[in-house]
N, C-alpha and C. Protein backbone atom coordinates (compact mmCIF):
# COMPACT_ATOMS: atom_id res chain seq x y z
N MET A 1 61.89 82.57 42.45
CA MET A 1 62.76 82.35 43.60
C MET A 1 64.12 83.17 43.49
N PRO A 2 64.72 83.15 42.16
CA PRO A 2 65.89 83.91 42.09
C PRO A 2 65.57 85.40 42.26
N ASP A 3 64.40 85.94 41.70
CA ASP A 3 64.10 87.17 41.81
C ASP A 3 63.97 87.81 43.24
N ASP A 4 63.42 86.83 44.11
CA ASP A 4 63.36 87.07 45.53
C ASP A 4 64.82 87.18 46.14
N GLU A 5 65.77 86.38 45.72
CA GLU A 5 67.05 86.46 46.25
C GLU A 5 67.69 87.67 45.84
N LEU A 6 67.62 88.06 44.58
CA LEU A 6 68.05 89.39 44.13
C LEU A 6 67.56 90.47 44.77
N ARG A 7 66.29 90.51 44.94
CA ARG A 7 65.59 91.62 45.65
C ARG A 7 66.12 91.68 47.00
N ASP A 8 66.22 90.63 47.72
CA ASP A 8 66.69 90.66 49.14
C ASP A 8 68.18 91.23 49.15
N PHE A 9 69.10 90.64 48.31
CA PHE A 9 70.33 91.06 48.21
C PHE A 9 70.57 92.65 47.93
N VAL A 10 69.73 93.15 47.08
CA VAL A 10 69.80 94.45 46.69
C VAL A 10 69.32 95.50 47.79
N ARG A 11 68.17 94.89 48.62
CA ARG A 11 67.68 95.53 49.73
C ARG A 11 68.80 95.74 50.86
N VAL A 12 69.56 94.75 51.02
CA VAL A 12 70.61 94.68 52.06
C VAL A 12 71.74 95.49 51.64
N ARG A 13 72.21 95.25 50.32
CA ARG A 13 73.54 95.86 49.86
C ARG A 13 73.63 96.92 49.00
N TYR A 14 72.40 97.55 48.73
CA TYR A 14 72.35 98.73 47.67
C TYR A 14 73.26 99.78 48.01
N LEU A 15 73.10 100.26 49.28
CA LEU A 15 73.95 101.32 49.76
C LEU A 15 75.45 101.25 49.66
N ASP A 16 75.89 99.91 49.87
CA ASP A 16 77.24 99.53 49.69
C ASP A 16 77.74 99.60 48.10
N LEU A 17 76.78 99.20 47.44
CA LEU A 17 77.09 99.17 45.89
C LEU A 17 77.12 100.60 45.44
N LEU A 18 75.99 101.48 45.87
CA LEU A 18 75.92 102.77 45.47
C LEU A 18 77.22 103.58 45.94
N ARG A 19 77.71 103.29 47.18
CA ARG A 19 78.79 104.11 47.58
C ARG A 19 80.15 103.85 46.77
N MET A 20 80.18 102.57 46.43
CA MET A 20 81.34 102.19 45.61
C MET A 20 81.27 102.79 44.12
N ALA A 21 80.08 102.69 43.66
CA ALA A 21 79.80 103.17 42.30
C ALA A 21 79.97 104.78 42.31
N TYR A 22 79.58 105.48 43.48
CA TYR A 22 79.92 107.01 43.47
C TYR A 22 81.40 107.32 43.45
N LEU A 23 82.07 106.49 44.29
CA LEU A 23 83.59 106.66 44.27
C LEU A 23 84.27 106.36 42.79
N LEU A 24 83.61 105.51 42.20
CA LEU A 24 84.09 105.13 40.75
C LEU A 24 83.62 106.24 39.76
N THR A 25 82.32 106.75 39.84
CA THR A 25 81.83 107.72 38.87
C THR A 25 81.96 109.23 39.15
N GLY A 26 82.00 109.45 40.53
CA GLY A 26 82.20 110.96 40.93
C GLY A 26 80.91 111.56 41.09
N SER A 27 79.69 110.91 40.82
CA SER A 27 78.46 111.74 40.85
C SER A 27 77.33 110.67 41.27
N TRP A 28 76.37 111.09 42.08
CA TRP A 28 75.34 110.24 42.50
C TRP A 28 74.37 109.80 41.26
N PRO A 29 74.07 110.59 40.38
CA PRO A 29 73.32 110.02 39.17
C PRO A 29 74.08 108.99 38.52
N GLY A 30 75.39 109.20 38.21
CA GLY A 30 76.18 108.31 37.50
C GLY A 30 76.41 106.96 38.45
N ALA A 31 76.43 107.15 39.59
CA ALA A 31 76.44 105.90 40.54
C ALA A 31 75.30 105.08 40.44
N GLU A 32 74.01 105.83 40.50
CA GLU A 32 72.86 105.12 40.43
C GLU A 32 72.64 104.25 39.03
N ASP A 33 73.01 105.11 38.03
CA ASP A 33 73.10 104.37 36.67
C ASP A 33 73.87 103.22 36.56
N LEU A 34 75.22 103.36 37.16
CA LEU A 34 75.94 102.19 37.11
C LEU A 34 75.65 101.06 37.97
N VAL A 35 75.20 101.19 39.06
CA VAL A 35 74.54 100.07 39.81
C VAL A 35 73.33 99.57 39.08
N GLN A 36 72.35 100.27 38.73
CA GLN A 36 71.15 99.82 38.00
C GLN A 36 71.58 98.99 36.64
N SER A 37 72.34 99.53 35.96
CA SER A 37 72.82 98.87 34.67
C SER A 37 73.53 97.47 34.93
N VAL A 38 74.31 97.46 35.92
CA VAL A 38 75.09 96.23 36.41
C VAL A 38 74.04 95.17 36.90
N LEU A 39 73.00 95.62 37.75
CA LEU A 39 72.08 94.71 38.13
C LEU A 39 71.16 94.13 37.19
N VAL A 40 70.83 95.09 36.29
CA VAL A 40 70.03 94.48 34.89
C VAL A 40 70.77 93.53 34.25
N LYS A 41 72.13 93.90 34.12
CA LYS A 41 72.86 92.65 33.19
C LYS A 41 72.99 91.39 34.06
N VAL A 42 73.10 91.49 35.47
CA VAL A 42 73.31 90.20 36.06
C VAL A 42 72.04 89.38 36.40
N MET A 43 70.88 90.08 36.23
CA MET A 43 69.60 89.58 36.70
C MET A 43 69.38 88.32 36.14
N GLY A 44 69.55 87.91 34.95
CA GLY A 44 69.24 86.58 34.28
C GLY A 44 70.20 85.48 34.66
N ARG A 45 71.38 85.86 35.32
CA ARG A 45 72.28 84.74 35.71
C ARG A 45 72.56 84.73 37.28
N TRP A 46 71.51 85.46 38.00
CA TRP A 46 71.73 85.68 39.33
C TRP A 46 71.89 84.26 40.30
N SER A 47 71.16 83.28 39.86
CA SER A 47 71.26 82.04 40.63
C SER A 47 72.65 81.37 40.39
N ARG A 48 73.30 81.74 39.38
CA ARG A 48 74.55 81.03 39.23
C ARG A 48 75.73 81.71 39.55
N ILE A 49 75.59 82.84 40.42
CA ILE A 49 76.69 83.65 40.89
C ILE A 49 77.02 83.25 42.25
N ASP A 50 78.28 82.73 42.55
CA ASP A 50 78.60 82.36 43.85
C ASP A 50 78.84 83.20 44.88
N ASP A 51 79.55 84.31 44.64
CA ASP A 51 79.99 85.54 45.56
C ASP A 51 79.43 86.70 44.64
N PRO A 52 78.20 87.08 45.16
CA PRO A 52 77.52 88.26 44.36
C PRO A 52 78.27 89.67 44.63
N MET A 53 78.76 89.88 45.85
CA MET A 53 79.43 91.16 45.96
C MET A 53 80.69 91.27 45.23
N ALA A 54 81.37 90.32 45.22
CA ALA A 54 82.60 90.30 44.52
C ALA A 54 82.37 90.36 43.03
N TYR A 55 81.25 89.75 42.45
CA TYR A 55 80.95 89.67 41.14
C TYR A 55 80.50 91.15 40.71
N LEU A 56 79.59 91.60 41.59
CA LEU A 56 79.16 92.85 41.31
C LEU A 56 80.20 93.91 41.20
N ARG A 57 81.13 94.02 42.26
CA ARG A 57 82.15 94.87 42.21
C ARG A 57 82.92 94.87 40.93
N ARG A 58 83.29 93.61 40.49
CA ARG A 58 84.02 93.47 39.18
C ARG A 58 83.38 93.96 38.04
N ALA A 59 81.88 93.67 38.00
CA ALA A 59 81.02 94.11 36.89
C ALA A 59 80.94 95.70 36.98
N MET A 60 80.98 96.42 38.19
CA MET A 60 81.07 97.80 38.10
C MET A 60 82.30 98.40 37.70
N VAL A 61 83.36 97.76 38.18
CA VAL A 61 84.65 98.43 37.62
C VAL A 61 84.81 98.28 36.21
N ASN A 62 84.43 97.10 35.63
CA ASN A 62 84.53 96.83 34.17
C ASN A 62 83.56 97.73 33.41
N GLN A 63 82.40 97.88 33.87
CA GLN A 63 81.36 98.80 33.24
C GLN A 63 81.76 100.29 33.30
N GLN A 64 82.48 100.68 34.34
CA GLN A 64 82.89 101.97 34.33
C GLN A 64 84.29 102.30 33.62
N SER A 65 84.96 101.12 33.51
CA SER A 65 86.21 101.25 32.64
C SER A 65 85.92 101.31 31.34
N SER A 66 84.95 100.70 30.85
CA SER A 66 84.49 100.95 29.42
C SER A 66 83.93 102.36 29.23
N VAL A 67 83.25 103.05 30.22
CA VAL A 67 82.85 104.33 30.01
C VAL A 67 84.04 105.10 29.92
N TRP A 68 85.09 105.08 30.80
CA TRP A 68 86.29 105.92 30.80
C TRP A 68 86.99 105.83 29.43
N HIS A 69 87.00 104.56 28.96
CA HIS A 69 87.64 104.33 27.54
C HIS A 69 86.96 104.99 26.54
N ARG A 70 85.72 105.05 26.71
CA ARG A 70 84.92 105.78 25.45
C ARG A 70 85.08 107.23 25.69
N LEU A 71 85.02 107.65 26.89
CA LEU A 71 85.14 109.20 26.97
C LEU A 71 86.57 109.73 26.88
N ARG A 72 87.55 108.82 27.34
CA ARG A 72 88.84 109.26 27.35
C ARG A 72 89.23 110.25 28.30
N ALA A 73 88.15 110.89 29.00
CA ALA A 73 88.37 111.92 30.01
C ALA A 73 87.08 111.94 30.84
N GLU A 74 87.23 112.03 32.06
CA GLU A 74 86.07 112.25 32.98
C GLU A 74 85.68 113.69 33.02
N VAL A 75 84.36 113.79 33.16
CA VAL A 75 83.88 115.20 33.35
C VAL A 75 83.18 115.07 34.83
N LEU A 76 83.87 115.77 35.76
CA LEU A 76 83.35 115.83 36.98
C LEU A 76 82.87 117.25 37.43
N THR A 77 82.06 117.45 38.37
CA THR A 77 81.76 118.87 38.77
C THR A 77 82.71 119.18 39.76
N ALA A 78 82.90 120.49 40.01
CA ALA A 78 83.77 120.99 40.80
C ALA A 78 83.28 120.73 42.38
N ARG A 79 81.98 120.75 42.45
CA ARG A 79 81.19 120.75 43.78
C ARG A 79 80.48 119.45 43.83
N LEU A 80 80.66 118.73 44.93
CA LEU A 80 79.80 117.56 44.99
C LEU A 80 78.38 117.87 45.40
N PRO A 81 77.47 117.00 44.80
CA PRO A 81 76.07 117.35 45.13
C PRO A 81 75.43 116.62 46.39
N GLU A 82 76.41 116.51 47.38
CA GLU A 82 76.03 115.76 48.57
C GLU A 82 75.28 116.61 49.71
N ARG A 83 74.47 116.28 50.14
CA ARG A 83 73.72 116.99 51.27
C ARG A 83 74.29 116.36 52.66
N PRO A 84 74.71 117.34 53.43
CA PRO A 84 75.10 116.90 54.76
C PRO A 84 74.04 116.25 55.59
N VAL A 85 74.57 115.18 56.34
CA VAL A 85 73.56 114.61 57.13
C VAL A 85 73.39 115.18 58.53
N ALA A 86 72.41 114.87 59.27
CA ALA A 86 72.17 115.61 60.58
C ALA A 86 73.37 115.54 61.43
N GLY A 87 73.87 116.63 61.98
CA GLY A 87 74.99 116.65 62.85
C GLY A 87 76.21 116.51 62.12
N ASP A 88 76.38 116.68 60.74
CA ASP A 88 77.47 116.81 59.97
C ASP A 88 78.14 118.09 60.15
N VAL A 89 79.37 118.21 60.63
CA VAL A 89 80.10 119.35 60.88
C VAL A 89 80.58 119.91 59.51
N SER A 90 80.40 121.10 59.26
CA SER A 90 80.86 121.73 57.84
C SER A 90 82.32 121.51 57.61
N GLU A 91 83.26 121.33 58.55
CA GLU A 91 84.67 121.11 58.28
C GLU A 91 84.74 119.78 57.83
N GLU A 92 84.01 118.85 58.43
CA GLU A 92 84.10 117.38 57.85
C GLU A 92 83.59 117.37 56.61
N ALA A 93 82.60 117.99 56.15
CA ALA A 93 82.07 117.96 54.95
C ALA A 93 82.87 118.52 53.90
N ALA A 94 83.68 119.72 54.25
CA ALA A 94 84.56 120.31 53.38
C ALA A 94 85.85 119.29 53.16
N GLN A 95 86.25 118.58 54.19
CA GLN A 95 87.43 117.61 53.89
C GLN A 95 86.94 116.50 53.04
N ARG A 96 85.75 116.04 53.23
CA ARG A 96 85.32 115.01 52.40
C ARG A 96 85.15 115.47 50.99
N ASP A 97 84.60 116.56 50.73
CA ASP A 97 84.57 117.29 49.44
C ASP A 97 86.00 117.27 48.81
N GLU A 98 86.93 117.79 49.67
CA GLU A 98 88.27 117.85 49.11
C GLU A 98 88.81 116.43 48.76
N LEU A 99 88.48 115.49 49.53
CA LEU A 99 89.04 114.08 49.28
C LEU A 99 88.51 113.56 47.95
N MET A 100 87.19 113.84 47.77
CA MET A 100 86.45 113.41 46.61
C MET A 100 86.90 114.00 45.38
N ARG A 101 87.30 115.34 45.47
CA ARG A 101 87.85 116.01 44.28
C ARG A 101 89.35 115.48 44.06
N ALA A 102 90.13 115.19 45.03
CA ALA A 102 91.43 114.51 44.88
C ALA A 102 91.28 113.23 44.18
N LEU A 103 90.32 112.39 44.69
CA LEU A 103 90.14 111.05 44.34
C LEU A 103 89.77 111.12 42.77
N ALA A 104 88.99 112.18 42.35
CA ALA A 104 88.61 112.16 41.00
C ALA A 104 89.75 112.60 39.97
N THR A 105 90.97 113.06 40.52
CA THR A 105 91.99 113.37 39.67
C THR A 105 92.89 112.09 39.33
N LEU A 106 92.65 111.02 39.97
CA LEU A 106 93.54 109.84 39.83
C LEU A 106 93.09 109.17 38.50
N PRO A 107 94.07 108.56 37.81
CA PRO A 107 93.78 107.91 36.55
C PRO A 107 92.71 106.66 36.94
N PRO A 108 92.02 106.43 36.04
CA PRO A 108 90.88 105.39 36.23
C PRO A 108 91.31 104.16 36.81
N ARG A 109 92.37 103.49 36.49
CA ARG A 109 92.78 102.20 37.08
C ARG A 109 93.30 102.42 38.53
N THR A 110 94.01 103.48 38.70
CA THR A 110 94.54 103.78 40.10
C THR A 110 93.34 104.17 41.00
N ARG A 111 92.46 104.81 40.52
CA ARG A 111 91.28 105.24 41.37
C ARG A 111 90.32 103.97 41.60
N ALA A 112 90.41 102.95 40.81
CA ALA A 112 89.63 101.74 40.98
C ALA A 112 90.40 100.90 42.05
N VAL A 113 91.74 100.84 42.00
CA VAL A 113 92.35 100.26 43.10
C VAL A 113 92.32 100.93 44.42
N VAL A 114 92.37 102.16 44.54
CA VAL A 114 92.17 102.86 45.73
C VAL A 114 90.81 102.69 46.15
N VAL A 115 89.83 102.67 45.57
CA VAL A 115 88.38 102.55 45.88
C VAL A 115 88.34 100.98 46.44
N LEU A 116 88.72 99.99 45.64
CA LEU A 116 88.67 98.68 46.23
C LEU A 116 89.51 98.36 47.34
N ARG A 117 90.60 98.81 47.49
CA ARG A 117 91.52 98.50 48.55
C ARG A 117 91.23 99.23 49.80
N TYR A 118 90.85 100.49 49.79
CA TYR A 118 90.86 101.31 50.92
C TYR A 118 89.50 101.63 51.32
N TRP A 119 88.53 101.77 50.40
CA TRP A 119 87.11 102.05 50.77
C TRP A 119 86.43 100.75 50.93
N GLU A 120 86.45 99.84 50.00
CA GLU A 120 85.83 98.64 50.18
C GLU A 120 86.62 97.54 51.01
N ASP A 121 87.88 97.95 51.51
CA ASP A 121 88.65 97.25 52.35
C ASP A 121 88.90 95.87 51.87
N LEU A 122 89.22 95.55 50.64
CA LEU A 122 89.48 94.42 50.04
C LEU A 122 91.03 94.06 50.16
N SER A 123 91.39 92.75 50.26
CA SER A 123 92.83 92.46 50.28
C SER A 123 93.43 92.85 48.85
N GLU A 124 94.79 92.86 48.77
CA GLU A 124 95.46 92.97 47.53
C GLU A 124 95.13 92.02 46.45
N ALA A 125 94.92 90.64 46.98
CA ALA A 125 94.59 89.51 46.07
C ALA A 125 93.16 89.72 45.47
N GLU A 126 92.25 90.08 46.45
CA GLU A 126 90.92 90.25 46.07
C GLU A 126 90.79 91.40 44.98
N THR A 127 91.42 92.52 45.25
CA THR A 127 91.61 93.56 44.37
C THR A 127 92.02 93.26 43.01
N ALA A 128 93.16 92.41 42.99
CA ALA A 128 93.92 92.01 41.86
C ALA A 128 92.80 91.07 40.96
N GLN A 129 92.12 90.13 41.72
CA GLN A 129 91.25 89.28 41.04
C GLN A 129 90.10 90.09 40.37
N ILE A 130 89.42 91.15 41.03
CA ILE A 130 88.50 91.90 40.46
C ILE A 130 88.96 92.66 39.27
N LEU A 131 90.11 93.28 39.32
CA LEU A 131 90.66 94.04 38.30
C LEU A 131 91.37 93.30 37.23
N GLY A 132 91.55 91.95 37.42
CA GLY A 132 92.23 91.05 36.33
C GLY A 132 93.61 91.33 36.24
N CYS A 133 94.25 91.83 37.28
CA CYS A 133 95.82 92.01 37.12
C CYS A 133 96.54 91.34 38.25
N SER A 134 97.84 91.55 38.29
CA SER A 134 98.63 90.93 39.49
C SER A 134 98.50 91.71 40.78
N VAL A 135 98.99 91.09 41.76
CA VAL A 135 98.84 91.70 43.04
C VAL A 135 100.07 92.92 43.10
N GLY A 136 101.17 92.57 42.26
CA GLY A 136 102.08 93.54 42.27
C GLY A 136 101.52 94.83 41.56
N ALA A 137 100.82 94.69 40.59
CA ALA A 137 100.25 95.82 39.96
C ALA A 137 99.21 96.63 41.05
N VAL A 138 98.58 95.99 41.71
CA VAL A 138 97.67 96.48 42.88
C VAL A 138 98.57 97.30 43.87
N LYS A 139 99.59 96.58 44.25
CA LYS A 139 100.46 97.34 45.13
C LYS A 139 101.12 98.65 44.67
N SER A 140 101.65 98.50 43.33
CA SER A 140 102.08 99.83 42.76
C SER A 140 101.09 100.90 42.45
N GLN A 141 99.99 100.41 41.90
CA GLN A 141 98.89 101.44 41.68
C GLN A 141 98.30 101.91 43.05
N GLY A 142 98.27 101.20 44.10
CA GLY A 142 97.76 101.69 45.42
C GLY A 142 98.73 102.62 45.90
N SER A 143 100.01 102.32 45.82
CA SER A 143 101.06 103.20 46.38
C SER A 143 101.20 104.59 45.66
N ARG A 144 101.08 104.48 44.30
CA ARG A 144 101.11 105.82 43.47
C ARG A 144 99.74 106.51 43.89
N GLY A 145 98.70 105.79 43.92
CA GLY A 145 97.36 106.52 44.24
C GLY A 145 97.43 107.20 45.62
N LEU A 146 97.96 106.61 46.57
CA LEU A 146 97.96 107.20 47.90
C LEU A 146 98.89 108.24 47.94
N ALA A 147 100.11 108.18 47.10
CA ALA A 147 101.10 109.26 47.11
C ALA A 147 100.36 110.51 46.46
N GLN A 148 99.67 110.28 45.43
CA GLN A 148 98.95 111.40 44.69
C GLN A 148 97.84 112.09 45.72
N LEU A 149 97.19 111.27 46.44
CA LEU A 149 96.26 111.86 47.21
C LEU A 149 96.91 112.57 48.38
N ARG A 150 98.09 112.11 48.91
CA ARG A 150 98.78 112.80 50.00
C ARG A 150 99.07 114.16 49.48
N THR A 151 99.80 114.12 48.31
CA THR A 151 100.26 115.52 47.77
C THR A 151 98.96 116.37 47.51
N ALA A 152 97.95 115.94 47.01
CA ALA A 152 96.75 116.76 46.80
C ALA A 152 96.15 117.19 48.01
N LEU A 153 96.34 116.42 49.10
CA LEU A 153 95.59 116.78 50.28
C LEU A 153 96.52 117.51 51.39
N ARG A 154 97.87 117.69 50.87
CA ARG A 154 98.79 118.22 51.83
C ARG A 154 98.35 119.62 52.28
N PRO A 155 98.29 119.81 53.78
CA PRO A 155 97.96 121.17 54.16
C PRO A 155 98.71 122.24 53.55
N ARG A 156 98.08 123.29 53.19
CA ARG A 156 98.66 124.42 52.64
C ARG A 156 98.88 125.52 53.54
N LYS A 157 100.20 125.83 53.88
CA LYS A 157 100.37 126.97 54.95
C LYS A 157 100.54 128.28 54.08
N THR A 158 99.84 129.12 54.56
CA THR A 158 99.99 130.48 53.83
C THR A 158 100.29 131.36 55.03
N PHE A 159 101.37 132.02 55.20
CA PHE A 159 101.90 132.85 56.23
C PHE A 159 101.98 134.20 55.36
N VAL A 160 101.65 135.24 56.03
CA VAL A 160 101.77 136.78 55.54
C VAL A 160 102.60 137.45 56.54
N GLY A 161 103.94 137.48 56.43
CA GLY A 161 104.68 138.38 57.31
C GLY A 161 104.66 137.91 58.77
N GLY A 162 105.30 138.63 59.59
CA GLY A 162 105.25 138.36 61.02
C GLY A 162 106.10 137.17 61.50
N PRO A 163 106.27 136.98 62.77
CA PRO A 163 107.28 135.99 63.26
C PRO A 163 106.75 134.45 62.89
N SER A 164 105.59 134.28 62.49
CA SER A 164 105.15 132.91 62.23
C SER A 164 105.28 132.62 60.68
N ASP A 165 105.95 133.38 59.83
CA ASP A 165 106.10 133.35 58.48
C ASP A 165 107.17 132.19 58.10
N GLY A 166 107.69 131.45 59.09
CA GLY A 166 108.64 130.42 58.73
C GLY A 166 110.06 130.88 58.44
N ARG A 167 110.34 132.02 58.96
CA ARG A 167 111.69 132.55 58.81
C ARG A 167 112.49 132.44 60.03
């Protein structure tokens, strides 16, 4: 019975888990590994978990945090291995790629806050609970993270001579 419940949950929520894991790891293979390793760890206690999505979010953040601590640095590719979906405009894909590269430059804790707050759309309190920190820490990390992303994603104007060069 618990196996069926877990199987049904994974069938419904796997893509949500995978998307969050991708934002944490920066790669699809890493995301798949993270989701699978966390699911294997919780399999035996699945029937005792009250809020599976919250539990798995926290488990993924904790698992990835331990990886970050072991490595002391993330190694991410310069180009995302994402295939555009049908009808995907190349400009949108380029913007998404730029956003993912900017997200990858954030410190691990800040990155986790931004992913949980703005991609997973969790409240500050829920994010604080998952990360095991105060709401104030979530607010400050989120604010810093968004500021860093705004700076990284600020449009770069390049003018070469002529009346539109800003003079």
